[in-house]
């Protein structure tokens, strides 16, 4: 998606439909949106350039959101990380916050 705004968001989701929906919505709000289809790609993107916020699915294959949050925090302690989840598993969400996520929103 073309980057438009001055605030940068990295959207990370292994589901192309969810990723596309978030890209479109955030783009309409005037944000500069970049996307990644998995955790490894997300970590690589964060290492390439700064983002204001990472909006990330919490459950992905290979690297889940917790592992990605830890890797991002090790590289950049300032970026905002919001997890997006369909699951309200309290223990899992607490683990995500402990790993460095600033908060979460549910897909409902």
N, C-alpha and C. Protein backbone atom coordinates (compact mmCIF):
# COMPACT_ATOMS: atom_id res chain seq x y z
N UNK A 1 0.84 -1.17 0.00
CA UNK A 1 0.00 0.00 0.00
C UNK A 1 0.89 1.24 0.00
N UNK A 2 0.51 2.25 -0.72
CA UNK A 2 1.28 3.49 -0.78
C UNK A 2 1.25 4.20 0.56
N UNK A 3 2.38 4.76 0.92
CA UNK A 3 2.48 5.47 2.18
C UNK A 3 2.08 6.92 1.97
N UNK A 4 1.21 7.44 2.87
CA UNK A 4 0.67 8.78 2.69
C UNK A 4 1.02 9.72 3.85
N UNK A 5 0.79 9.29 5.07
CA UNK A 5 0.84 10.20 6.21
C UNK A 5 2.19 10.31 6.86
N UNK A 6 2.21 11.12 7.91
CA UNK A 6 3.45 11.31 8.64
C UNK A 6 3.58 10.35 9.81
N UNK A 7 2.48 9.76 10.27
CA UNK A 7 2.54 8.76 11.32
C UNK A 7 2.60 7.39 10.67
N UNK A 8 3.56 6.59 11.11
CA UNK A 8 3.82 5.32 10.45
C UNK A 8 3.33 4.14 11.28
N UNK A 9 2.67 3.22 10.60
CA UNK A 9 2.12 2.03 11.24
C UNK A 9 2.58 0.80 10.46
N UNK A 10 3.06 -0.19 11.20
CA UNK A 10 3.35 -1.48 10.61
C UNK A 10 2.23 -2.43 11.00
N UNK A 11 1.51 -2.96 10.02
CA UNK A 11 0.43 -3.92 10.24
C UNK A 11 1.00 -5.31 10.00
N UNK A 12 0.85 -6.19 10.99
CA UNK A 12 1.40 -7.54 10.90
C UNK A 12 0.27 -8.54 11.13
N UNK A 13 -0.04 -9.33 10.11
CA UNK A 13 -1.08 -10.36 10.25
C UNK A 13 -0.84 -11.40 9.18
N UNK A 14 -0.91 -12.68 9.55
CA UNK A 14 -0.71 -13.75 8.58
C UNK A 14 -1.95 -13.97 7.71
N UNK A 15 -3.08 -13.41 8.10
CA UNK A 15 -4.31 -13.52 7.31
C UNK A 15 -4.39 -12.34 6.35
N UNK A 16 -4.29 -12.59 5.03
CA UNK A 16 -4.30 -11.48 4.07
C UNK A 16 -5.56 -10.62 4.14
N UNK A 17 -6.70 -11.22 4.45
CA UNK A 17 -7.94 -10.46 4.56
C UNK A 17 -7.93 -9.48 5.71
N UNK A 18 -7.49 -9.95 6.89
CA UNK A 18 -7.40 -9.07 8.05
C UNK A 18 -6.37 -7.96 7.81
N UNK A 19 -5.23 -8.36 7.24
CA UNK A 19 -4.17 -7.40 6.96
C UNK A 19 -4.66 -6.33 5.99
N UNK A 20 -5.34 -6.73 4.93
CA UNK A 20 -5.85 -5.79 3.94
C UNK A 20 -6.88 -4.84 4.52
N UNK A 21 -7.75 -5.37 5.37
CA UNK A 21 -8.77 -4.53 6.00
C UNK A 21 -8.12 -3.46 6.88
N UNK A 22 -7.13 -3.85 7.67
CA UNK A 22 -6.44 -2.88 8.53
C UNK A 22 -5.67 -1.85 7.69
N UNK A 23 -5.01 -2.31 6.63
CA UNK A 23 -4.29 -1.39 5.75
C UNK A 23 -5.24 -0.34 5.18
N UNK A 24 -6.39 -0.79 4.69
CA UNK A 24 -7.35 0.14 4.08
C UNK A 24 -7.89 1.13 5.10
N UNK A 25 -8.28 0.64 6.26
CA UNK A 25 -8.83 1.51 7.30
C UNK A 25 -7.81 2.55 7.76
N UNK A 26 -6.63 2.10 8.07
CA UNK A 26 -5.59 3.01 8.56
C UNK A 26 -5.16 4.00 7.47
N UNK A 27 -5.12 3.53 6.24
CA UNK A 27 -4.79 4.41 5.12
C UNK A 27 -5.82 5.51 4.94
N UNK A 28 -7.10 5.15 5.10
CA UNK A 28 -8.17 6.16 5.01
C UNK A 28 -8.05 7.21 6.11
N UNK A 29 -7.47 6.83 7.23
CA UNK A 29 -7.26 7.77 8.33
C UNK A 29 -6.02 8.64 8.10
N UNK A 30 -5.35 8.44 6.98
CA UNK A 30 -4.20 9.27 6.64
C UNK A 30 -2.88 8.79 7.20
N UNK A 31 -2.83 7.56 7.68
CA UNK A 31 -1.59 7.03 8.23
C UNK A 31 -0.75 6.38 7.14
N UNK A 32 0.54 6.42 7.30
CA UNK A 32 1.45 5.74 6.38
C UNK A 32 1.54 4.28 6.82
N UNK A 33 1.05 3.38 5.99
CA UNK A 33 0.92 1.97 6.38
C UNK A 33 1.90 1.11 5.59
N UNK A 34 2.61 0.27 6.32
CA UNK A 34 3.45 -0.77 5.75
C UNK A 34 2.94 -2.07 6.35
N UNK A 35 3.07 -3.17 5.64
CA UNK A 35 2.56 -4.42 6.19
C UNK A 35 3.59 -5.53 6.11
N UNK A 36 3.33 -6.54 6.94
CA UNK A 36 4.15 -7.75 6.96
C UNK A 36 3.22 -8.93 7.15
N UNK A 37 3.52 -10.05 6.50
CA UNK A 37 2.66 -11.22 6.55
C UNK A 37 3.02 -12.22 7.63
N UNK A 38 4.14 -11.99 8.32
CA UNK A 38 4.50 -12.89 9.41
C UNK A 38 5.48 -12.19 10.35
N UNK A 39 5.80 -12.87 11.44
CA UNK A 39 6.64 -12.27 12.47
C UNK A 39 8.07 -11.97 12.02
N UNK A 40 8.65 -12.88 11.26
CA UNK A 40 10.02 -12.66 10.78
C UNK A 40 10.09 -11.43 9.89
N UNK A 41 9.12 -11.29 9.01
CA UNK A 41 9.08 -10.12 8.14
C UNK A 41 8.87 -8.84 8.96
N UNK A 42 8.07 -8.92 10.01
CA UNK A 42 7.82 -7.76 10.87
C UNK A 42 9.11 -7.30 11.55
N UNK A 43 9.86 -8.24 12.09
CA UNK A 43 11.13 -7.89 12.75
C UNK A 43 12.08 -7.26 11.74
N UNK A 44 12.15 -7.81 10.55
CA UNK A 44 13.02 -7.25 9.50
C UNK A 44 12.60 -5.83 9.16
N UNK A 45 11.31 -5.58 9.02
CA UNK A 45 10.82 -4.22 8.68
C UNK A 45 11.18 -3.22 9.79
N UNK A 46 11.01 -3.62 11.04
CA UNK A 46 11.34 -2.72 12.16
C UNK A 46 12.83 -2.42 12.20
N UNK A 47 13.64 -3.39 11.81
CA UNK A 47 15.09 -3.16 11.77
C UNK A 47 15.49 -2.27 10.60
N UNK A 48 14.67 -2.22 9.54
CA UNK A 48 14.96 -1.41 8.36
C UNK A 48 14.66 0.07 8.56
N UNK A 49 13.59 0.36 9.32
CA UNK A 49 13.16 1.76 9.47
C UNK A 49 12.30 1.92 10.71
N UNK A 50 12.16 3.13 11.20
CA UNK A 50 11.34 3.34 12.41
C UNK A 50 9.84 3.38 12.09
N UNK A 51 9.04 2.96 13.05
CA UNK A 51 7.58 3.04 12.99
C UNK A 51 7.10 3.67 14.28
N UNK A 52 5.97 4.36 14.20
CA UNK A 52 5.35 4.89 15.40
C UNK A 52 4.63 3.79 16.18
N UNK A 53 3.97 2.91 15.43
CA UNK A 53 3.17 1.84 16.04
C UNK A 53 3.28 0.57 15.22
N UNK A 54 3.32 -0.56 15.92
CA UNK A 54 3.19 -1.86 15.28
C UNK A 54 1.86 -2.43 15.75
N UNK A 55 0.98 -2.71 14.81
CA UNK A 55 -0.34 -3.29 15.08
C UNK A 55 -0.28 -4.73 14.59
N UNK A 56 -0.27 -5.68 15.54
CA UNK A 56 0.14 -7.04 15.20
C UNK A 56 -0.81 -8.11 15.72
N UNK A 57 -1.10 -9.09 14.87
CA UNK A 57 -1.84 -10.27 15.29
C UNK A 57 -1.02 -10.98 16.37
N UNK A 58 -1.70 -11.48 17.37
CA UNK A 58 -0.98 -12.12 18.47
C UNK A 58 -0.64 -13.58 18.17
N UNK A 59 -1.45 -14.22 17.33
CA UNK A 59 -1.22 -15.65 17.01
C UNK A 59 -0.91 -15.79 15.53
N UNK A 60 0.36 -16.12 15.28
CA UNK A 60 0.83 -16.32 13.91
C UNK A 60 1.73 -17.54 13.90
N UNK A 61 1.86 -18.19 12.74
CA UNK A 61 2.79 -19.33 12.65
C UNK A 61 4.24 -18.84 12.71
N UNK A 62 5.14 -19.74 12.94
CA UNK A 62 6.57 -19.47 13.04
C UNK A 62 6.88 -18.65 14.30
N UNK A 63 6.68 -17.34 14.26
CA UNK A 63 6.88 -16.48 15.42
C UNK A 63 5.52 -15.91 15.80
N UNK A 64 5.09 -16.14 17.04
CA UNK A 64 3.82 -15.53 17.45
C UNK A 64 4.07 -14.10 17.90
N UNK A 65 3.01 -13.39 18.20
CA UNK A 65 3.12 -11.97 18.58
C UNK A 65 4.00 -11.73 19.79
N UNK A 66 4.01 -12.68 20.72
CA UNK A 66 4.85 -12.53 21.91
C UNK A 66 6.32 -12.56 21.53
N UNK A 67 6.71 -13.52 20.70
CA UNK A 67 8.11 -13.61 20.25
C UNK A 67 8.50 -12.38 19.43
N UNK A 68 7.59 -11.91 18.60
CA UNK A 68 7.87 -10.74 17.78
C UNK A 68 8.02 -9.49 18.66
N UNK A 69 7.13 -9.34 19.63
CA UNK A 69 7.23 -8.19 20.55
C UNK A 69 8.57 -8.20 21.27
N UNK A 70 9.00 -9.35 21.73
CA UNK A 70 10.31 -9.44 22.41
C UNK A 70 11.44 -9.02 21.47
N UNK A 71 11.40 -9.50 20.23
CA UNK A 71 12.45 -9.17 19.26
C UNK A 71 12.43 -7.68 18.92
N UNK A 72 11.24 -7.12 18.76
CA UNK A 72 11.14 -5.69 18.45
C UNK A 72 11.64 -4.87 19.63
N UNK A 73 11.25 -5.23 20.84
CA UNK A 73 11.69 -4.49 22.03
C UNK A 73 13.20 -4.54 22.20
N UNK A 74 13.82 -5.65 21.84
CA UNK A 74 15.28 -5.77 21.93
C UNK A 74 15.96 -4.80 20.97
N UNK A 75 15.30 -4.50 19.86
CA UNK A 75 15.86 -3.60 18.86
C UNK A 75 15.42 -2.16 19.06
N UNK A 76 14.14 -1.95 19.40
CA UNK A 76 13.57 -0.60 19.52
C UNK A 76 12.63 -0.57 20.73
N UNK A 77 13.08 0.06 21.79
CA UNK A 77 12.29 0.13 23.01
C UNK A 77 11.21 1.18 23.01
N UNK A 78 11.15 2.01 21.98
CA UNK A 78 10.21 3.14 21.98
C UNK A 78 8.96 2.94 21.13
N UNK A 79 9.00 2.07 20.16
CA UNK A 79 7.85 1.89 19.26
C UNK A 79 6.65 1.36 20.05
N UNK A 80 5.46 1.86 19.73
CA UNK A 80 4.25 1.35 20.35
C UNK A 80 3.86 0.03 19.72
N UNK A 81 3.49 -0.94 20.55
CA UNK A 81 3.09 -2.25 20.04
C UNK A 81 1.69 -2.55 20.57
N UNK A 82 0.75 -2.73 19.64
CA UNK A 82 -0.61 -3.13 19.99
C UNK A 82 -0.89 -4.49 19.37
N UNK A 83 -1.33 -5.41 20.20
CA UNK A 83 -1.70 -6.73 19.73
C UNK A 83 -3.16 -6.72 19.29
N UNK A 84 -3.43 -7.46 18.23
CA UNK A 84 -4.80 -7.63 17.75
C UNK A 84 -5.10 -9.13 17.88
N UNK A 85 -6.21 -9.46 18.53
CA UNK A 85 -6.50 -10.86 18.78
C UNK A 85 -7.98 -11.19 18.71
N UNK A 86 -8.27 -12.43 18.36
CA UNK A 86 -9.64 -12.93 18.42
C UNK A 86 -9.86 -13.65 19.74
N UNK A 87 -8.79 -13.88 20.47
CA UNK A 87 -8.84 -14.68 21.69
C UNK A 87 -8.71 -13.78 22.92
N UNK A 88 -9.50 -14.04 23.90
CA UNK A 88 -9.41 -13.28 25.13
C UNK A 88 -8.83 -14.15 26.24
N UNK A 89 -7.77 -14.86 25.91
CA UNK A 89 -7.05 -15.70 26.86
C UNK A 89 -6.20 -14.79 27.74
N UNK A 90 -6.66 -14.60 28.98
CA UNK A 90 -6.03 -13.63 29.87
C UNK A 90 -4.55 -13.90 30.11
N UNK A 91 -4.17 -15.17 30.29
CA UNK A 91 -2.77 -15.50 30.52
C UNK A 91 -1.91 -15.16 29.30
N UNK A 92 -2.44 -15.44 28.11
CA UNK A 92 -1.70 -15.15 26.88
C UNK A 92 -1.55 -13.64 26.69
N UNK A 93 -2.61 -12.89 26.97
CA UNK A 93 -2.54 -11.44 26.84
C UNK A 93 -1.59 -10.83 27.86
N UNK A 94 -1.57 -11.35 29.06
CA UNK A 94 -0.61 -10.88 30.07
C UNK A 94 0.82 -11.16 29.63
N UNK A 95 1.03 -12.32 29.01
CA UNK A 95 2.36 -12.66 28.49
C UNK A 95 2.77 -11.68 27.39
N UNK A 96 1.82 -11.29 26.56
CA UNK A 96 2.12 -10.32 25.49
C UNK A 96 2.52 -8.97 26.09
N UNK A 97 1.82 -8.54 27.12
CA UNK A 97 2.16 -7.27 27.77
C UNK A 97 3.54 -7.37 28.43
N UNK A 98 3.82 -8.50 29.05
CA UNK A 98 5.13 -8.70 29.68
C UNK A 98 6.25 -8.70 28.64
N UNK A 99 5.94 -9.19 27.43
CA UNK A 99 6.93 -9.25 26.34
C UNK A 99 7.21 -7.89 25.73
N UNK A 100 6.36 -6.88 26.05
CA UNK A 100 6.62 -5.55 25.53
C UNK A 100 5.48 -4.88 24.82
N UNK A 101 4.36 -5.58 24.67
CA UNK A 101 3.20 -4.94 24.04
C UNK A 101 2.65 -3.86 24.97
N UNK A 102 2.17 -2.78 24.38
CA UNK A 102 1.60 -1.70 25.17
C UNK A 102 0.12 -1.92 25.45
N UNK A 103 -0.54 -2.77 24.68
CA UNK A 103 -1.95 -3.05 24.87
C UNK A 103 -2.45 -3.98 23.80
N UNK A 104 -3.76 -4.19 23.78
CA UNK A 104 -4.34 -5.08 22.79
C UNK A 104 -5.77 -4.65 22.47
N UNK A 105 -6.22 -5.06 21.29
CA UNK A 105 -7.60 -4.87 20.88
C UNK A 105 -8.09 -6.21 20.35
N UNK A 106 -9.40 -6.44 20.44
CA UNK A 106 -9.95 -7.71 19.97
C UNK A 106 -10.61 -7.55 18.62
N UNK A 107 -10.56 -8.61 17.82
CA UNK A 107 -11.21 -8.65 16.50
C UNK A 107 -12.62 -9.17 16.69
N UNK A 108 -13.53 -8.32 17.02
CA UNK A 108 -14.90 -8.80 17.22
C UNK A 108 -15.88 -7.84 16.65
